[in-house]
Amino acid sequence: MGSPPSLTSRQRAELRSRARKLRPGASVGKGGLTDSALVHLRDQLARAELLKVRLAGPSAADRRALAHRMANALDAEVVDLIGRMVVLYRPGGRPRAGGQGRQD
């Protein structure tokens, strides 16, 4: 698995804009990044290249480390991390019928 190409600031801004409309497609609980969580996240990224994930963790540093571990394990890139929400991007996902991801 190679690493995804680095995003430009313009691409990152576009992805953050698209992610605002998404609801979290997954959450990673206090149990951390388990094998079953990784399988679920891979499935979500296979359907849509942009995924919003809710994180649990006692500190911002723990959540930041978890977000980057997820991105590395999924061959994805962290687009945004605000509070307990991380947005991951991996090119090649298939948009769902009616648009990208779930919307409010």
C-alpha atoms as a PDB file:
ATOM      1  CA  MET A   1       0.000   0.000   0.000  1.00  0.00           C
ATOM      2  CA  GLY A   2       1.493   3.337  -1.027  1.00  0.00           C
ATOM      3  CA  SER A   3       0.689   6.554   0.708  1.00  0.00           C
ATOM      4  CA  PRO A   4      -1.839   8.878  -0.915  1.00  0.00           C
ATOM      5  CA  PRO A   5      -0.468  11.931  -2.693  1.00  0.00           C
ATOM      6  CA  SER A   6      -0.262  14.960  -0.460  1.00  0.00           C
ATOM      7  CA  LEU A   7      -3.120  17.417  -0.861  1.00  0.00           C
ATOM      8  CA  THR A   8      -2.605  21.036  -1.798  1.00  0.00           C
ATOM      9  CA  SER A   9      -4.156  23.705   0.415  1.00  0.00           C
ATOM     10  CA  ARG A  10      -6.735  24.378  -2.314  1.00  0.00           C
ATOM     11  CA  GLN A  11      -7.717  20.687  -2.517  1.00  0.00           C
ATOM     12  CA  ARG A  12      -7.886  20.459   1.286  1.00  0.00           C
ATOM     13  CA  ALA A  13     -10.171  23.530   1.404  1.00  0.00           C
ATOM     14  CA  GLU A  14     -12.469  22.015  -1.245  1.00  0.00           C
ATOM     15  CA  LEU A  15     -12.668  18.731   0.673  1.00  0.00           C
ATOM     16  CA  ARG A  16     -13.390  20.544   3.961  1.00  0.00           C
ATOM     17  CA  SER A  17     -16.191  22.406   2.191  1.00  0.00           C
ATOM     18  CA  ARG A  18     -17.679  19.133   0.895  1.00  0.00           C
ATOM     19  CA  ALA A  19     -17.330  17.528   4.336  1.00  0.00           C
ATOM     20  CA  ARG A  20     -19.442  20.203   6.038  1.00  0.00           C
ATOM     21  CA  LYS A  21     -22.553  18.662   4.476  1.00  0.00           C
ATOM     22  CA  LEU A  22     -21.750  15.157   5.726  1.00  0.00           C
ATOM     23  CA  ARG A  23     -22.930  13.522   8.910  1.00  0.00           C
ATOM     24  CA  PRO A  24     -20.459  11.244  10.691  1.00  0.00           C
ATOM     25  CA  GLY A  25     -20.382   7.938   8.833  1.00  0.00           C
ATOM     26  CA  ALA A  26     -18.615   6.129  11.660  1.00  0.00           C
ATOM     27  CA  SER A  27     -17.327   6.519  15.187  1.00  0.00           C
ATOM     28  CA  VAL A  28     -14.303   5.162  16.948  1.00  0.00           C
ATOM     29  CA  GLY A  29     -15.043   4.666  20.631  1.00  0.00           C
ATOM     30  CA  LYS A  30     -12.952   4.480  23.750  1.00  0.00           C
ATOM     31  CA  GLY A  31     -11.886   0.968  22.730  1.00  0.00           C
ATOM     32  CA  GLY A  32      -9.732   2.619  20.086  1.00  0.00           C
ATOM     33  CA  LEU A  33      -8.931   1.504  16.587  1.00  0.00           C
ATOM     34  CA  THR A  34      -9.966  -2.159  16.590  1.00  0.00           C
ATOM     35  CA  ASP A  35      -9.841  -4.538  13.637  1.00  0.00           C
ATOM     36  CA  SER A  36     -13.620  -4.367  13.264  1.00  0.00           C
ATOM     37  CA  ALA A  37     -13.508  -0.553  13.323  1.00  0.00           C
ATOM     38  CA  LEU A  38     -10.882  -0.600  10.553  1.00  0.00           C
ATOM     39  CA  VAL A  39     -13.009  -2.961   8.444  1.00  0.00           C
ATOM     40  CA  HIS A  40     -16.022  -0.663   8.861  1.00  0.00           C
ATOM     41  CA  LEU A  41     -13.975   2.450   7.982  1.00  0.00           C
ATOM     42  CA  ARG A  42     -12.512   0.726   4.894  1.00  0.00           C
ATOM     43  CA  ASP A  43     -16.026  -0.174   3.746  1.00  0.00           C
ATOM     44  CA  GLN A  44     -17.170   3.418   4.226  1.00  0.00           C
ATOM     45  CA  LEU A  45     -14.195   4.801   2.293  1.00  0.00           C
ATOM     46  CA  ALA A  46     -14.815   2.293  -0.513  1.00  0.00           C
ATOM     47  CA  ARG A  47     -18.298   3.775  -0.949  1.00  0.00           C
ATOM     48  CA  ALA A  48     -17.323   7.436  -0.675  1.00  0.00           C
ATOM     49  CA  GLU A  49     -13.821   8.861  -0.780  1.00  0.00           C
ATOM     50  CA  LEU A  50     -14.625  11.414   1.943  1.00  0.00           C
ATOM     51  CA  LEU A  51     -15.581  10.221   5.423  1.00  0.00           C
ATOM     52  CA  LYS A  52     -16.390  12.068   8.632  1.00  0.00           C
ATOM     53  CA  VAL A  53     -15.605  10.093  11.799  1.00  0.00           C
ATOM     54  CA  ARG A  54     -16.483  10.902  15.420  1.00  0.00           C
ATOM     55  CA  LEU A  55     -13.627  10.142  17.832  1.00  0.00           C
ATOM     56  CA  ALA A  56     -13.585   9.385  21.526  1.00  0.00           C
ATOM     57  CA  GLY A  57     -10.518  10.214  23.544  1.00  0.00           C
ATOM     58  CA  PRO A  58      -9.640  12.036  26.694  1.00  0.00           C
ATOM     59  CA  SER A  59      -7.372  14.666  25.150  1.00  0.00           C
ATOM     60  CA  ALA A  60      -6.873  16.516  21.903  1.00  0.00           C
ATOM     61  CA  ALA A  61      -3.405  14.984  21.545  1.00  0.00           C
ATOM     62  CA  ASP A  62      -4.872  11.466  21.885  1.00  0.00           C
ATOM     63  CA  ARG A  63      -7.520  12.217  19.247  1.00  0.00           C
ATOM     64  CA  ARG A  64      -4.934  13.737  16.905  1.00  0.00           C
ATOM     65  CA  ALA A  65      -2.713  10.639  17.258  1.00  0.00           C
ATOM     66  CA  LEU A  66      -5.733   8.362  16.692  1.00  0.00           C
ATOM     67  CA  ALA A  67      -6.741  10.299  13.563  1.00  0.00           C
ATOM     68  CA  HIS A  68      -3.278   9.913  12.061  1.00  0.00           C
ATOM     69  CA  ARG A  69      -3.102   6.206  12.979  1.00  0.00           C
ATOM     70  CA  MET A  70      -6.455   5.712  11.223  1.00  0.00           C
ATOM     71  CA  ALA A  71      -5.262   7.580   8.137  1.00  0.00           C
ATOM     72  CA  ASN A  72      -2.075   5.502   7.962  1.00  0.00           C
ATOM     73  CA  ALA A  73      -3.938   2.211   8.437  1.00  0.00           C
ATOM     74  CA  LEU A  74      -6.501   3.134   5.768  1.00  0.00           C
ATOM     75  CA  ASP A  75      -4.068   4.639   3.251  1.00  0.00           C
ATOM     76  CA  ALA A  76      -6.015   7.884   3.594  1.00  0.00           C
ATOM     77  CA  GLU A  77      -5.244  11.469   4.493  1.00  0.00           C
ATOM     78  CA  VAL A  78      -6.531  13.598   7.366  1.00  0.00           C
ATOM     79  CA  VAL A  79      -8.308  16.537   5.754  1.00  0.00           C
ATOM     80  CA  ASP A  80      -9.573  18.172   8.932  1.00  0.00           C
ATOM     81  CA  LEU A  81      -9.635  17.530  12.669  1.00  0.00           C
ATOM     82  CA  ILE A  82     -11.855  19.724  14.792  1.00  0.00           C
ATOM     83  CA  GLY A  83     -12.749  18.723  18.314  1.00  0.00           C
ATOM     84  CA  ARG A  84     -13.943  15.119  18.230  1.00  0.00           C
ATOM     85  CA  MET A  85     -14.531  15.029  14.467  1.00  0.00           C
ATOM     86  CA  VAL A  86     -12.006  13.972  11.829  1.00  0.00           C
ATOM     87  CA  VAL A  87     -12.460  14.036   8.072  1.00  0.00           C
ATOM     88  CA  LEU A  88     -10.564  11.394   6.093  1.00  0.00           C
ATOM     89  CA  TYR A  89      -9.992  11.343   2.342  1.00  0.00           C
ATOM     90  CA  ARG A  90      -8.939   8.480   0.118  1.00  0.00           C
ATOM     91  CA  PRO A  91      -9.303   8.928  -3.650  1.00  0.00           C
ATOM     92  CA  GLY A  92     -11.321   6.398  -5.564  1.00  0.00           C
ATOM     93  CA  GLY A  93     -14.474   6.000  -3.497  1.00  0.00           C
ATOM     94  CA  ARG A  94     -17.763   5.591  -5.322  1.00  0.00           C
ATOM     95  CA  PRO A  95     -20.351   8.310  -4.567  1.00  0.00           C
ATOM     96  CA  ARG A  96     -23.637   7.018  -3.193  1.00  0.00           C
ATOM     97  CA  ALA A  97     -26.804   7.463  -5.190  1.00  0.00           C
ATOM     98  CA  GLY A  98     -28.025  11.022  -4.797  1.00  0.00           C
ATOM     99  CA  GLY A  99     -24.634  12.513  -3.901  1.00  0.00           C
ATOM    100  CA  GLN A 100     -21.535  12.144  -1.796  1.00  0.00           C
ATOM    101  CA  GLY A 101     -22.151  10.580   1.618  1.00  0.00           C
ATOM    102  CA  ARG A 102     -25.091  11.128   3.931  1.00  0.00           C
ATOM    103  CA  GLN A 103     -26.434  14.633   4.232  1.00  0.00           C
ATOM    104  CA  ASP A 104     -28.437  16.456   6.863  1.00  0.00           C
END
